[in-house]
């Protein structure tokens, strides 16, 4: 996988809707940057963000980004 992902690639990686990824990025929930009018997400930053999300989840619950 490339170091930088587009919003569409991130949506596929997370198993989320593309528009949800864009909305969460705009809100600052998902770490990303706008480059030339498009969103880009660094793979390692996303992986660290996901691991932090896992640590914040109460025991016995699933994160919104978890794939079933």
PDB file of N, CA and C in Angstrom:
ATOM      1  N   UNK A   1       0.847  -1.183   0.000  1.00  0.00           N
ATOM      2  CA  UNK A   1       0.000   0.000   0.000  1.00  0.00           C
ATOM      3  C   UNK A   1       0.891   1.245   0.000  1.00  0.00           C
ATOM      4  N   UNK A   2       0.504   2.258  -0.737  1.00  0.00           N
ATOM      5  CA  UNK A   2       1.269   3.493  -0.824  1.00  0.00           C
ATOM      6  C   UNK A   2       1.245   4.228   0.512  1.00  0.00           C
ATOM      7  N   UNK A   3       2.249   5.072   0.726  1.00  0.00           N
ATOM      8  CA  UNK A   3       2.314   5.849   1.966  1.00  0.00           C
ATOM      9  C   UNK A   3       1.163   6.836   2.075  1.00  0.00           C
ATOM     10  N   UNK A   4       0.780   7.469   0.956  1.00  0.00           N
ATOM     11  CA  UNK A   4      -0.326   8.423   0.953  1.00  0.00           C
ATOM     12  C   UNK A   4      -1.538   7.779   0.288  1.00  0.00           C
ATOM     13  N   UNK A   5      -2.697   7.971   0.914  1.00  0.00           N
ATOM     14  CA  UNK A   5      -3.931   7.406   0.372  1.00  0.00           C
ATOM     15  C   UNK A   5      -4.898   8.542   0.041  1.00  0.00           C
ATOM     16  N   UNK A   6      -5.696   8.329  -0.976  1.00  0.00           N
ATOM     17  CA  UNK A   6      -6.776   9.255  -1.291  1.00  0.00           C
ATOM     18  C   UNK A   6      -7.942   8.959  -0.339  1.00  0.00           C
ATOM     19  N   UNK A   7      -8.951   9.816  -0.371  1.00  0.00           N
ATOM     20  CA  UNK A   7     -10.139   9.582   0.458  1.00  0.00           C
ATOM     21  C   UNK A   7     -10.827   8.280   0.061  1.00  0.00           C
ATOM     22  N   UNK A   8     -10.860   7.989  -1.224  1.00  0.00           N
ATOM     23  CA  UNK A   8     -11.491   6.752  -1.690  1.00  0.00           C
ATOM     24  C   UNK A   8     -10.710   5.532  -1.198  1.00  0.00           C
ATOM     25  N   UNK A   9      -9.390   5.587  -1.291  1.00  0.00           N
ATOM     26  CA  UNK A   9      -8.563   4.473  -0.815  1.00  0.00           C
ATOM     27  C   UNK A   9      -8.721   4.283   0.691  1.00  0.00           C
ATOM     28  N   UNK A  10      -8.784   5.399   1.427  1.00  0.00           N
ATOM     29  CA  UNK A  10      -8.968   5.304   2.873  1.00  0.00           C
ATOM     30  C   UNK A  10     -10.332   4.720   3.213  1.00  0.00           C
ATOM     31  N   UNK A  11     -11.347   5.128   2.480  1.00  0.00           N
ATOM     32  CA  UNK A  11     -12.690   4.587   2.715  1.00  0.00           C
ATOM     33  C   UNK A  11     -12.690   3.076   2.532  1.00  0.00           C
ATOM     34  N   UNK A  12     -12.040   2.596   1.496  1.00  0.00           N
ATOM     35  CA  UNK A  12     -11.953   1.149   1.264  1.00  0.00           C
ATOM     36  C   UNK A  12     -11.162   0.468   2.372  1.00  0.00           C
ATOM     37  N   UNK A  13     -10.056   1.068   2.773  1.00  0.00           N
ATOM     38  CA  UNK A  13      -9.208   0.524   3.829  1.00  0.00           C
ATOM     39  C   UNK A  13      -9.980   0.395   5.150  1.00  0.00           C
ATOM     40  N   UNK A  14     -10.796   1.420   5.466  1.00  0.00           N
ATOM     41  CA  UNK A  14     -11.545   1.425   6.723  1.00  0.00           C
ATOM     42  C   UNK A  14     -12.893   0.721   6.627  1.00  0.00           C
ATOM     43  N   UNK A  15     -13.316   0.418   5.407  1.00  0.00           N
ATOM     44  CA  UNK A  15     -14.632  -0.185   5.221  1.00  0.00           C
ATOM     45  C   UNK A  15     -15.750   0.800   5.500  1.00  0.00           C
ATOM     46  N   UNK A  16     -15.502   2.041   5.132  1.00  0.00           N
ATOM     47  CA  UNK A  16     -16.467   3.112   5.378  1.00  0.00           C
ATOM     48  C   UNK A  16     -16.923   3.710   4.056  1.00  0.00           C
ATOM     49  N   UNK A  17     -18.000   4.470   4.114  1.00  0.00           N
ATOM     50  CA  UNK A  17     -18.474   5.207   2.969  1.00  0.00           C
ATOM     51  C   UNK A  17     -17.519   6.362   2.675  1.00  0.00           C
ATOM     52  N   UNK A  18     -17.280   6.620   1.403  1.00  0.00           N
ATOM     53  CA  UNK A  18     -16.385   7.687   0.956  1.00  0.00           C
ATOM     54  C   UNK A  18     -16.803   9.044   1.530  1.00  0.00           C
ATOM     55  N   UNK A  19     -18.082   9.352   1.484  1.00  0.00           N
ATOM     56  CA  UNK A  19     -18.565  10.651   1.978  1.00  0.00           C
ATOM     57  C   UNK A  19     -18.392  10.777   3.491  1.00  0.00           C
ATOM     58  N   UNK A  20     -18.508   9.669   4.194  1.00  0.00           N
ATOM     59  CA  UNK A  20     -18.287   9.686   5.640  1.00  0.00           C
ATOM     60  C   UNK A  20     -16.838  10.033   5.940  1.00  0.00           C
ATOM     61  N   UNK A  21     -15.913   9.441   5.178  1.00  0.00           N
ATOM     62  CA  UNK A  21     -14.487   9.752   5.349  1.00  0.00           C
ATOM     63  C   UNK A  21     -14.245  11.238   5.109  1.00  0.00           C
ATOM     64  N   UNK A  22     -14.814  11.789   4.042  1.00  0.00           N
ATOM     65  CA  UNK A  22     -14.635  13.217   3.755  1.00  0.00           C
ATOM     66  C   UNK A  22     -15.193  14.081   4.885  1.00  0.00           C
ATOM     67  N   UNK A  23     -16.378  13.750   5.364  1.00  0.00           N
ATOM     68  CA  UNK A  23     -16.981  14.529   6.454  1.00  0.00           C
ATOM     69  C   UNK A  23     -16.140  14.466   7.722  1.00  0.00           C
ATOM     70  N   UNK A  24     -15.661  13.278   8.067  1.00  0.00           N
ATOM     71  CA  UNK A  24     -14.834  13.132   9.269  1.00  0.00           C
ATOM     72  C   UNK A  24     -13.502  13.857   9.120  1.00  0.00           C
ATOM     73  N   UNK A  25     -12.945  13.865   7.921  1.00  0.00           N
ATOM     74  CA  UNK A  25     -11.694  14.593   7.678  1.00  0.00           C
ATOM     75  C   UNK A  25     -11.930  16.098   7.816  1.00  0.00           C
ATOM     76  N   UNK A  26     -13.010  16.588   7.256  1.00  0.00           N
ATOM     77  CA  UNK A  26     -13.338  18.025   7.361  1.00  0.00           C
ATOM     78  C   UNK A  26     -13.533  18.438   8.815  1.00  0.00           C
ATOM     79  N   UNK A  27     -14.096  17.550   9.620  1.00  0.00           N
ATOM     80  CA  UNK A  27     -14.337  17.832  11.041  1.00  0.00           C
ATOM     81  C   UNK A  27     -13.077  17.673  11.878  1.00  0.00           C
ATOM     82  N   UNK A  28     -12.021  17.126  11.295  1.00  0.00           N
ATOM     83  CA  UNK A  28     -10.773  16.921  12.032  1.00  0.00           C
ATOM     84  C   UNK A  28     -10.756  15.636  12.838  1.00  0.00           C
ATOM     85  N   UNK A  29     -11.726  14.761  12.618  1.00  0.00           N
ATOM     86  CA  UNK A  29     -11.784  13.491  13.349  1.00  0.00           C
ATOM     87  C   UNK A  29     -10.732  12.533  12.807  1.00  0.00           C
ATOM     88  N   UNK A  30     -10.637  12.431  11.489  1.00  0.00           N
ATOM     89  CA  UNK A  30      -9.628  11.597  10.836  1.00  0.00           C
ATOM     90  C   UNK A  30      -8.470  12.500  10.424  1.00  0.00           C
ATOM     91  N   UNK A  31      -7.236  12.134  10.795  1.00  0.00           N
ATOM     92  CA  UNK A  31      -6.100  12.986  10.434  1.00  0.00           C
ATOM     93  C   UNK A  31      -5.804  12.919   8.932  1.00  0.00           C
ATOM     94  N   UNK A  32      -5.799  14.076   8.307  1.00  0.00           N
ATOM     95  CA  UNK A  32      -5.509  14.151   6.883  1.00  0.00           C
ATOM     96  C   UNK A  32      -5.179  15.577   6.483  1.00  0.00           C
ATOM     97  N   UNK A  33      -4.806  15.741   5.226  1.00  0.00           N
ATOM     98  CA  UNK A  33      -4.464  17.057   4.692  1.00  0.00           C
ATOM     99  C   UNK A  33      -5.093  17.244   3.331  1.00  0.00           C
ATOM    100  N   UNK A  34      -5.488  18.481   3.055  1.00  0.00           N
ATOM    101  CA  UNK A  34      -5.957  18.812   1.712  1.00  0.00           C
ATOM    102  C   UNK A  34      -4.747  19.245   0.902  1.00  0.00           C
ATOM    103  N   UNK A  35      -4.570  18.613  -0.245  1.00  0.00           N
ATOM    104  CA  UNK A  35      -3.470  18.933  -1.148  1.00  0.00           C
ATOM    105  C   UNK A  35      -4.073  19.189  -2.522  1.00  0.00           C
ATOM    106  N   UNK A  36      -3.943  20.415  -3.000  1.00  0.00           N
ATOM    107  CA  UNK A  36      -4.476  20.744  -4.322  1.00  0.00           C
ATOM    108  C   UNK A  36      -5.955  20.452  -4.467  1.00  0.00           C
ATOM    109  N   UNK A  37      -6.719  20.641  -3.409  1.00  0.00           N
ATOM    110  CA  UNK A  37      -8.160  20.439  -3.471  1.00  0.00           C
ATOM    111  C   UNK A  37      -8.622  19.017  -3.194  1.00  0.00           C
ATOM    112  N   UNK A  38      -7.690  18.087  -2.948  1.00  0.00           N
ATOM    113  CA  UNK A  38      -8.076  16.713  -2.625  1.00  0.00           C
ATOM    114  C   UNK A  38      -7.493  16.332  -1.261  1.00  0.00           C
ATOM    115  N   UNK A  39      -8.165  15.423  -0.598  1.00  0.00           N
ATOM    116  CA  UNK A  39      -7.693  14.953   0.702  1.00  0.00           C
ATOM    117  C   UNK A  39      -6.662  13.845   0.506  1.00  0.00           C
ATOM    118  N   UNK A  40      -5.627  13.873   1.336  1.00  0.00           N
ATOM    119  CA  UNK A  40      -4.598  12.831   1.372  1.00  0.00           C
ATOM    120  C   UNK A  40      -4.407  12.406   2.822  1.00  0.00           C
ATOM    121  N   UNK A  41      -4.177  11.108   2.994  1.00  0.00           N
ATOM    122  CA  UNK A  41      -4.038  10.520   4.321  1.00  0.00           C
ATOM    123  C   UNK A  41      -2.790   9.660   4.339  1.00  0.00           C
ATOM    124  N   UNK A  42      -1.940   9.886   5.333  1.00  0.00           N
ATOM    125  CA  UNK A  42      -0.692   9.129   5.463  1.00  0.00           C
ATOM    126  C   UNK A  42      -0.993   7.809   6.161  1.00  0.00           C
ATOM    127  N   UNK A  43      -0.595   6.719   5.534  1.00  0.00           N
ATOM    128  CA  UNK A  43      -0.937   5.384   6.042  1.00  0.00           C
ATOM    129  C   UNK A  43      -0.503   5.174   7.488  1.00  0.00           C
ATOM    130  N   UNK A  44       0.733   5.509   7.826  1.00  0.00           N
ATOM    131  CA  UNK A  44       1.208   5.273   9.194  1.00  0.00           C
ATOM    132  C   UNK A  44       0.471   6.143  10.215  1.00  0.00           C
ATOM    133  N   UNK A  45       0.116   7.357   9.820  1.00  0.00           N
ATOM    134  CA  UNK A  45      -0.653   8.223  10.713  1.00  0.00           C
ATOM    135  C   UNK A  45      -2.038   7.637  10.963  1.00  0.00           C
ATOM    136  N   UNK A  46      -2.655   7.110   9.918  1.00  0.00           N
ATOM    137  CA  UNK A  46      -3.967   6.473  10.059  1.00  0.00           C
ATOM    138  C   UNK A  46      -3.864   5.248  10.958  1.00  0.00           C
ATOM    139  N   UNK A  47      -2.818   4.450  10.785  1.00  0.00           N
ATOM    140  CA  UNK A  47      -2.649   3.261  11.623  1.00  0.00           C
ATOM    141  C   UNK A  47      -2.476   3.648  13.090  1.00  0.00           C
ATOM    142  N   UNK A  48      -1.707   4.709  13.366  1.00  0.00           N
ATOM    143  CA  UNK A  48      -1.548   5.185  14.753  1.00  0.00           C
ATOM    144  C   UNK A  48      -2.875   5.704  15.292  1.00  0.00           C
ATOM    145  N   UNK A  49      -3.607   6.445  14.458  1.00  0.00           N
ATOM    146  CA  UNK A  49      -4.915   6.968  14.859  1.00  0.00           C
ATOM    147  C   UNK A  49      -5.862   5.817  15.201  1.00  0.00           C
ATOM    148  N   UNK A  50      -5.860   4.771  14.373  1.00  0.00           N
ATOM    149  CA  UNK A  50      -6.718   3.615  14.639  1.00  0.00           C
ATOM    150  C   UNK A  50      -6.346   2.937  15.950  1.00  0.00           C
ATOM    151  N   UNK A  51      -5.054   2.788  16.212  1.00  0.00           N
ATOM    152  CA  UNK A  51      -4.648   2.127  17.453  1.00  0.00           C
ATOM    153  C   UNK A  51      -5.048   2.968  18.661  1.00  0.00           C
ATOM    154  N   UNK A  52      -5.012   4.280  18.535  1.00  0.00           N
ATOM    155  CA  UNK A  52      -5.474   5.150  19.624  1.00  0.00           C
ATOM    156  C   UNK A  52      -6.978   5.017  19.809  1.00  0.00           C
ATOM    157  N   UNK A  53      -7.717   4.883  18.722  1.00  0.00           N
ATOM    158  CA  UNK A  53      -9.158   4.713  18.809  1.00  0.00           C
ATOM    159  C   UNK A  53      -9.486   3.416  19.541  1.00  0.00           C
ATOM    160  N   UNK A  54      -8.720   2.359  19.268  1.00  0.00           N
ATOM    161  CA  UNK A  54      -8.934   1.078  19.946  1.00  0.00           C
ATOM    162  C   UNK A  54      -8.717   1.215  21.447  1.00  0.00           C
ATOM    163  N   UNK A  55      -7.713   1.998  21.846  1.00  0.00           N
ATOM    164  CA  UNK A  55      -7.417   2.175  23.265  1.00  0.00           C
ATOM    165  C   UNK A  55      -8.515   2.956  23.974  1.00  0.00           C
ATOM    166  N   UNK A  56      -9.225   3.822  23.241  1.00  0.00           N
ATOM    167  CA  UNK A  56     -10.268   4.643  23.840  1.00  0.00           C
ATOM    168  C   UNK A  56     -11.597   3.923  23.961  1.00  0.00           C
ATOM    169  N   UNK A  57     -11.757   2.796  23.255  1.00  0.00           N
ATOM    170  CA  UNK A  57     -13.025   2.071  23.259  1.00  0.00           C
ATOM    171  C   UNK A  57     -13.194   1.306  24.572  1.00  0.00           C
ATOM    172  N   UNK A  58     -14.354   1.437  25.202  1.00  0.00           N
ATOM    173  CA  UNK A  58     -14.615   0.634  26.399  1.00  0.00           C
ATOM    174  C   UNK A  58     -14.593  -0.862  26.051  1.00  0.00           C
ATOM    175  N   UNK A  59     -14.235  -1.684  26.990  1.00  0.00           N
ATOM    176  CA  UNK A  59     -14.180  -3.126  26.760  1.00  0.00           C
ATOM    177  C   UNK A  59     -15.540  -3.641  26.310  1.00  0.00           C
ATOM    178  N   UNK A  60     -15.532  -4.524  25.319  1.00  0.00           N
ATOM    179  CA  UNK A  60     -16.758  -5.141  24.851  1.00  0.00           C
ATOM    180  C   UNK A  60     -17.501  -4.352  23.788  1.00  0.00           C
ATOM    181  N   UNK A  61     -16.951  -3.196  23.347  1.00  0.00           N
ATOM    182  CA  UNK A  61     -17.608  -2.411  22.297  1.00  0.00           C
ATOM    183  C   UNK A  61     -16.714  -2.416  21.067  1.00  0.00           C
ATOM    184  N   UNK A  62     -17.326  -2.143  19.927  1.00  0.00           N
ATOM    185  CA  UNK A  62     -16.583  -2.083  18.664  1.00  0.00           C
ATOM    186  C   UNK A  62     -16.456  -0.642  18.241  1.00  0.00           C
ATOM    187  N   UNK A  63     -15.293  -0.291  17.698  1.00  0.00           N
ATOM    188  CA  UNK A  63     -15.092   1.047  17.138  1.00  0.00           C
ATOM    189  C   UNK A  63     -15.925   1.191  15.876  1.00  0.00           C
ATOM    190  N   UNK A  64     -16.306   2.403  15.549  1.00  0.00           N
ATOM    191  CA  UNK A  64     -17.105   2.666  14.341  1.00  0.00           C
ATOM    192  C   UNK A  64     -16.351   2.278  13.079  1.00  0.00           C
ATOM    193  N   UNK A  65     -15.025   2.245  13.141  1.00  0.00           N
ATOM    194  CA  UNK A  65     -14.234   1.919  11.960  1.00  0.00           C
ATOM    195  C   UNK A  65     -13.925   0.434  11.836  1.00  0.00           C
ATOM    196  N   UNK A  66     -14.312  -0.372  12.836  1.00  0.00           N
ATOM    197  CA  UNK A  66     -14.028  -1.806  12.785  1.00  0.00           C
ATOM    198  C   UNK A  66     -14.819  -2.458  11.673  1.00  0.00           C
ATOM    199  N   UNK A  67     -14.143  -3.351  10.953  1.00  0.00           N
ATOM    200  CA  UNK A  67     -14.817  -4.143   9.926  1.00  0.00           C
ATOM    201  C   UNK A  67     -15.401  -5.376  10.595  1.00  0.00           C
ATOM    202  N   UNK A  68     -16.561  -5.779  10.148  1.00  0.00           N
ATOM    203  CA  UNK A  68     -17.159  -6.994  10.729  1.00  0.00           C
ATOM    204  C   UNK A  68     -16.812  -8.200   9.900  1.00  0.00           C
TER     205      UNK A  68
END
